Amino acid sequence: MGRIDYFHDPDAPQANSIVPSTTAAVRDGRGRLLMIHKIDNDKWALPGGGMDLGESIADAAVREVAEETGLSVEITGLVGIYTDPGHVMAYDDGEVRQQFSVCFHARPTGGTLREDGTETKAAKWVEPADIDGLTIHPSMRRRIDDALRGDPTPQIN
């Protein structure tokens, strides 16, 4: 399913849904950040996705990282809560979703890195210095920058 992200665009369609979602800023022992290249918007991002009924938001983050990258992770903290109503995502089926994402810090605990081929066309460890060379949506870039800054106080916006 295709997706168009609108970020503070006056021509954006009106949101008609909101889905709690999550992302995880997974750092390895060398300080690299786990990134995925998404199929739906052709941009690089932190692994993540929507929360399912019957799971916690932290469990959703762990599940989504495993589904999209093949890695098991442990949640180690909270980066922030991102609910900017100026960021909406329009899907091919008519859904226009307002952003509502909780971003966690996490560390890998096992698994083998791979892309899933359904949602991600690539998954890799990225040196923080190389992030500027990737195409990243501004909303995602804010989460990445917040995670790399390492501020112990979660960001709320």
C-alpha atoms as a PDB file:
ATOM      1  CA  MET A   1       0.000   0.000   0.000  1.00  0.00           C
ATOM      2  CA  GLY A   2       1.399   3.393  -0.978  1.00  0.00           C
ATOM      3  CA  ARG A   3       1.713   6.289   1.408  1.00  0.00           C
ATOM      4  CA  ILE A   4       2.209  10.029   1.073  1.00  0.00           C
ATOM      5  CA  ASP A   5       3.522  11.947   4.081  1.00  0.00           C
ATOM      6  CA  TYR A   6       2.410  15.535   4.571  1.00  0.00           C
ATOM      7  CA  PHE A   7       4.366  17.669   7.017  1.00  0.00           C
ATOM      8  CA  HIS A   8       2.849  21.056   7.827  1.00  0.00           C
ATOM      9  CA  ASP A   9       1.474  21.215   4.282  1.00  0.00           C
ATOM     10  CA  PRO A  10      -1.595  23.470   3.894  1.00  0.00           C
ATOM     11  CA  ASP A  11      -2.781  21.217   1.048  1.00  0.00           C
ATOM     12  CA  ALA A  12      -2.694  18.063   3.194  1.00  0.00           C
ATOM     13  CA  PRO A  13      -5.912  16.084   3.422  1.00  0.00           C
ATOM     14  CA  GLN A  14      -7.797  16.112   6.729  1.00  0.00           C
ATOM     15  CA  ALA A  15      -6.890  13.257   9.090  1.00  0.00           C
ATOM     16  CA  ASN A  16      -9.618  10.657   9.538  1.00  0.00           C
ATOM     17  CA  SER A  17      -7.844   8.204  11.866  1.00  0.00           C
ATOM     18  CA  ILE A  18      -5.221   7.921  14.537  1.00  0.00           C
ATOM     19  CA  VAL A  19      -3.331   4.718  15.303  1.00  0.00           C
ATOM     20  CA  PRO A  20      -0.913   4.373  18.220  1.00  0.00           C
ATOM     21  CA  SER A  21       2.442   3.453  16.720  1.00  0.00           C
ATOM     22  CA  THR A  22       6.007   3.045  17.818  1.00  0.00           C
ATOM     23  CA  THR A  23       9.585   3.321  16.636  1.00  0.00           C
ATOM     24  CA  ALA A  24      12.793   2.085  18.200  1.00  0.00           C
ATOM     25  CA  ALA A  25      16.185   3.779  18.146  1.00  0.00           C
ATOM     26  CA  VAL A  26      18.332   0.650  18.374  1.00  0.00           C
ATOM     27  CA  ARG A  27      22.044   1.295  18.925  1.00  0.00           C
ATOM     28  CA  ASP A  28      24.701  -1.404  18.772  1.00  0.00           C
ATOM     29  CA  GLY A  29      27.872  -1.601  20.880  1.00  0.00           C
ATOM     30  CA  ARG A  30      29.699   0.583  18.345  1.00  0.00           C
ATOM     31  CA  GLY A  31      27.091   3.358  18.554  1.00  0.00           C
ATOM     32  CA  ARG A  32      25.582   2.667  15.128  1.00  0.00           C
ATOM     33  CA  LEU A  33      21.845   3.151  14.639  1.00  0.00           C
ATOM     34  CA  LEU A  34      19.583   0.478  13.137  1.00  0.00           C
ATOM     35  CA  MET A  35      17.777   1.901  10.087  1.00  0.00           C
ATOM     36  CA  ILE A  36      15.310   0.505   7.572  1.00  0.00           C
ATOM     37  CA  HIS A  37      14.515   1.610   4.012  1.00  0.00           C
ATOM     38  CA  LYS A  38      10.731   1.599   3.857  1.00  0.00           C
ATOM     39  CA  ILE A  39       8.842   0.407   0.804  1.00  0.00           C
ATOM     40  CA  ASP A  40       5.681   2.504   1.379  1.00  0.00           C
ATOM     41  CA  ASN A  41       7.353   5.943   1.241  1.00  0.00           C
ATOM     42  CA  ASP A  42      10.848   5.075  -0.096  1.00  0.00           C
ATOM     43  CA  LYS A  43      12.557   6.765   2.859  1.00  0.00           C
ATOM     44  CA  TRP A  44      14.938   5.628   5.584  1.00  0.00           C
ATOM     45  CA  ALA A  45      13.479   5.327   9.070  1.00  0.00           C
ATOM     46  CA  LEU A  46      13.749   3.757  12.467  1.00  0.00           C
ATOM     47  CA  PRO A  47      12.012   0.373  12.587  1.00  0.00           C
ATOM     48  CA  GLY A  48       8.488   0.511  13.928  1.00  0.00           C
ATOM     49  CA  GLY A  49       4.803   0.339  13.201  1.00  0.00           C
ATOM     50  CA  GLY A  50       1.301   0.217  14.613  1.00  0.00           C
ATOM     51  CA  MET A  51       0.330  -1.198  17.972  1.00  0.00           C
ATOM     52  CA  ASP A  52      -2.004  -4.201  17.887  1.00  0.00           C
ATOM     53  CA  LEU A  53      -4.903  -4.838  20.238  1.00  0.00           C
ATOM     54  CA  GLY A  54      -3.767  -6.870  23.230  1.00  0.00           C
ATOM     55  CA  GLU A  55      -0.169  -5.623  23.326  1.00  0.00           C
ATOM     56  CA  SER A  56       1.611  -2.806  25.093  1.00  0.00           C
ATOM     57  CA  ILE A  57       3.343  -0.063  23.129  1.00  0.00           C
ATOM     58  CA  ALA A  58       6.741  -1.384  24.299  1.00  0.00           C
ATOM     59  CA  ASP A  59       5.825  -4.915  23.154  1.00  0.00           C
ATOM     60  CA  ALA A  60       4.761  -3.429  19.798  1.00  0.00           C
ATOM     61  CA  ALA A  61       8.215  -1.834  19.418  1.00  0.00           C
ATOM     62  CA  VAL A  62       9.974  -5.142  20.116  1.00  0.00           C
ATOM     63  CA  ARG A  63       7.662  -7.006  17.704  1.00  0.00           C
ATOM     64  CA  GLU A  64       8.037  -4.448  14.912  1.00  0.00           C
ATOM     65  CA  VAL A  65      11.842  -4.426  15.121  1.00  0.00           C
ATOM     66  CA  ALA A  66      11.854  -8.233  14.900  1.00  0.00           C
ATOM     67  CA  GLU A  67       9.414  -8.265  11.961  1.00  0.00           C
ATOM     68  CA  GLU A  68      11.219  -5.582   9.964  1.00  0.00           C
ATOM     69  CA  THR A  69      14.856  -6.403  10.732  1.00  0.00           C
ATOM     70  CA  GLY A  70      15.121  -9.936  12.140  1.00  0.00           C
ATOM     71  CA  LEU A  71      16.677  -8.635  15.361  1.00  0.00           C
ATOM     72  CA  SER A  72      15.511  -9.139  18.931  1.00  0.00           C
ATOM     73  CA  VAL A  73      15.790  -6.055  21.116  1.00  0.00           C
ATOM     74  CA  GLU A  74      15.376  -4.916  24.683  1.00  0.00           C
ATOM     75  CA  ILE A  75      13.762  -1.553  25.422  1.00  0.00           C
ATOM     76  CA  THR A  76      16.131   0.604  27.493  1.00  0.00           C
ATOM     77  CA  GLY A  77      14.355   3.953  27.699  1.00  0.00           C
ATOM     78  CA  LEU A  78      12.030   6.503  26.153  1.00  0.00           C
ATOM     79  CA  VAL A  79      13.169   8.906  23.434  1.00  0.00           C
ATOM     80  CA  GLY A  80       9.841  10.712  23.218  1.00  0.00           C
ATOM     81  CA  ILE A  81       6.188  10.916  22.260  1.00  0.00           C
ATOM     82  CA  TYR A  82       5.425  12.420  18.844  1.00  0.00           C
ATOM     83  CA  THR A  83       1.854  13.556  18.124  1.00  0.00           C
ATOM     84  CA  ASP A  84       2.252  16.521  15.777  1.00  0.00           C
ATOM     85  CA  PRO A  85      -1.175  17.050  14.111  1.00  0.00           C
ATOM     86  CA  GLY A  86       0.659  18.781  11.251  1.00  0.00           C
ATOM     87  CA  HIS A  87       2.082  15.417  10.171  1.00  0.00           C
ATOM     88  CA  VAL A  88      -0.447  13.202   8.410  1.00  0.00           C
ATOM     89  CA  MET A  89       0.021  10.125   6.240  1.00  0.00           C
ATOM     90  CA  ALA A  90      -2.384   9.467   3.375  1.00  0.00           C
ATOM     91  CA  TYR A  91      -2.769   5.847   2.274  1.00  0.00           C
ATOM     92  CA  ASP A  92      -4.107   4.450  -1.004  1.00  0.00           C
ATOM     93  CA  ASP A  93      -7.246   3.109   0.707  1.00  0.00           C
ATOM     94  CA  GLY A  94      -8.409   6.614   1.779  1.00  0.00           C
ATOM     95  CA  GLU A  95      -7.118   6.485   5.331  1.00  0.00           C
ATOM     96  CA  VAL A  96      -5.409   9.709   6.411  1.00  0.00           C
ATOM     97  CA  ARG A  97      -3.635   9.073   9.689  1.00  0.00           C
ATOM     98  CA  GLN A  98      -2.470  11.702  12.171  1.00  0.00           C
ATOM     99  CA  GLN A  99       0.945  10.956  13.630  1.00  0.00           C
ATOM    100  CA  PHE A 100       0.939   9.325  17.070  1.00  0.00           C
ATOM    101  CA  SER A 101       4.232   7.608  17.765  1.00  0.00           C
ATOM    102  CA  VAL A 102       6.151   6.616  20.878  1.00  0.00           C
ATOM    103  CA  CYS A 103       9.884   6.268  20.239  1.00  0.00           C
ATOM    104  CA  PHE A 104      12.019   4.069  22.484  1.00  0.00           C
ATOM    105  CA  HIS A 105      15.733   3.567  23.011  1.00  0.00           C
ATOM    106  CA  ALA A 106      16.646  -0.099  22.565  1.00  0.00           C
ATOM    107  CA  ARG A 107      19.627  -2.422  22.307  1.00  0.00           C
ATOM    108  CA  PRO A 108      19.981  -5.614  20.252  1.00  0.00           C
ATOM    109  CA  THR A 109      19.890  -8.926  22.105  1.00  0.00           C
ATOM    110  CA  GLY A 110      19.997 -11.426  19.222  1.00  0.00           C
ATOM    111  CA  GLY A 111      18.768 -12.394  15.799  1.00  0.00           C
ATOM    112  CA  THR A 112      20.197 -11.955  12.307  1.00  0.00           C
ATOM    113  CA  LEU A 113      19.860  -8.665  10.426  1.00  0.00           C
ATOM    114  CA  ARG A 114      17.678  -8.909   7.298  1.00  0.00           C
ATOM    115  CA  GLU A 115      14.964  -6.969   5.459  1.00  0.00           C
ATOM    116  CA  ASP A 116      11.451  -8.396   5.413  1.00  0.00           C
ATOM    117  CA  GLY A 117      10.681  -7.609   1.744  1.00  0.00           C
ATOM    118  CA  THR A 118       7.121  -6.601   2.620  1.00  0.00           C
ATOM    119  CA  GLU A 119       7.644  -3.336   4.495  1.00  0.00           C
ATOM    120  CA  THR A 120      11.393  -2.894   4.201  1.00  0.00           C
ATOM    121  CA  LYS A 121      13.699  -3.146   1.208  1.00  0.00           C
ATOM    122  CA  ALA A 122      16.841  -2.761   3.332  1.00  0.00           C
ATOM    123  CA  ALA A 123      17.905  -2.896   6.961  1.00  0.00           C
ATOM    124  CA  LYS A 124      21.357  -1.838   8.094  1.00  0.00           C
ATOM    125  CA  TRP A 125      23.490  -0.369  10.847  1.00  0.00           C
ATOM    126  CA  VAL A 126      24.304   3.282  10.133  1.00  0.00           C
ATOM    127  CA  GLU A 127      27.077   5.380  11.618  1.00  0.00           C
ATOM    128  CA  PRO A 128      25.588   8.612  13.038  1.00  0.00           C
ATOM    129  CA  ALA A 129      27.927  10.612  10.763  1.00  0.00           C
ATOM    130  CA  ASP A 130      26.378   8.916   7.690  1.00  0.00           C
ATOM    131  CA  ILE A 131      22.734   9.708   8.509  1.00  0.00           C
ATOM    132  CA  ASP A 132      22.823  13.011   6.603  1.00  0.00           C
ATOM    133  CA  GLY A 133      23.360  11.034   3.378  1.00  0.00           C
ATOM    134  CA  LEU A 134      20.031   9.202   3.716  1.00  0.00           C
ATOM    135  CA  THR A 135      16.587  10.393   2.568  1.00  0.00           C
ATOM    136  CA  ILE A 136      14.606  10.721   5.804  1.00  0.00           C
ATOM    137  CA  HIS A 137      11.222  12.339   6.452  1.00  0.00           C
ATOM    138  CA  PRO A 138      11.548  15.446   8.719  1.00  0.00           C
ATOM    139  CA  SER A 139       9.340  13.914  11.413  1.00  0.00           C
ATOM    140  CA  MET A 140      11.492  10.776  11.511  1.00  0.00           C
ATOM    141  CA  ARG A 141      14.656  12.857  11.458  1.00  0.00           C
ATOM    142  CA  ARG A 142      13.486  14.643  14.600  1.00  0.00           C
ATOM    143  CA  ARG A 143      13.124  11.301  16.418  1.00  0.00           C
ATOM    144  CA  ILE A 144      16.565  10.209  15.200  1.00  0.00           C
ATOM    145  CA  ASP A 145      18.173  13.471  16.293  1.00  0.00           C
ATOM    146  CA  ASP A 146      16.440  13.270  19.678  1.00  0.00           C
ATOM    147  CA  ALA A 147      17.625   9.678  20.145  1.00  0.00           C
ATOM    148  CA  LEU A 148      21.221  10.436  19.184  1.00  0.00           C
ATOM    149  CA  ARG A 149      21.328  13.463  21.470  1.00  0.00           C
ATOM    150  CA  GLY A 150      20.792  11.084  24.408  1.00  0.00           C
ATOM    151  CA  ASP A 151      18.884  13.567  26.561  1.00  0.00           C
ATOM    152  CA  PRO A 152      17.558  11.664  29.619  1.00  0.00           C
ATOM    153  CA  THR A 153      14.345  13.752  29.518  1.00  0.00           C
ATOM    154  CA  PRO A 154      11.878  12.354  26.950  1.00  0.00           C
ATOM    155  CA  GLN A 155      10.768  14.727  24.196  1.00  0.00           C
ATOM    156  CA  ILE A 156       7.032  15.384  24.045  1.00  0.00           C
ATOM    157  CA  ASN A 157       5.558  17.092  21.010  1.00  0.00           C
END
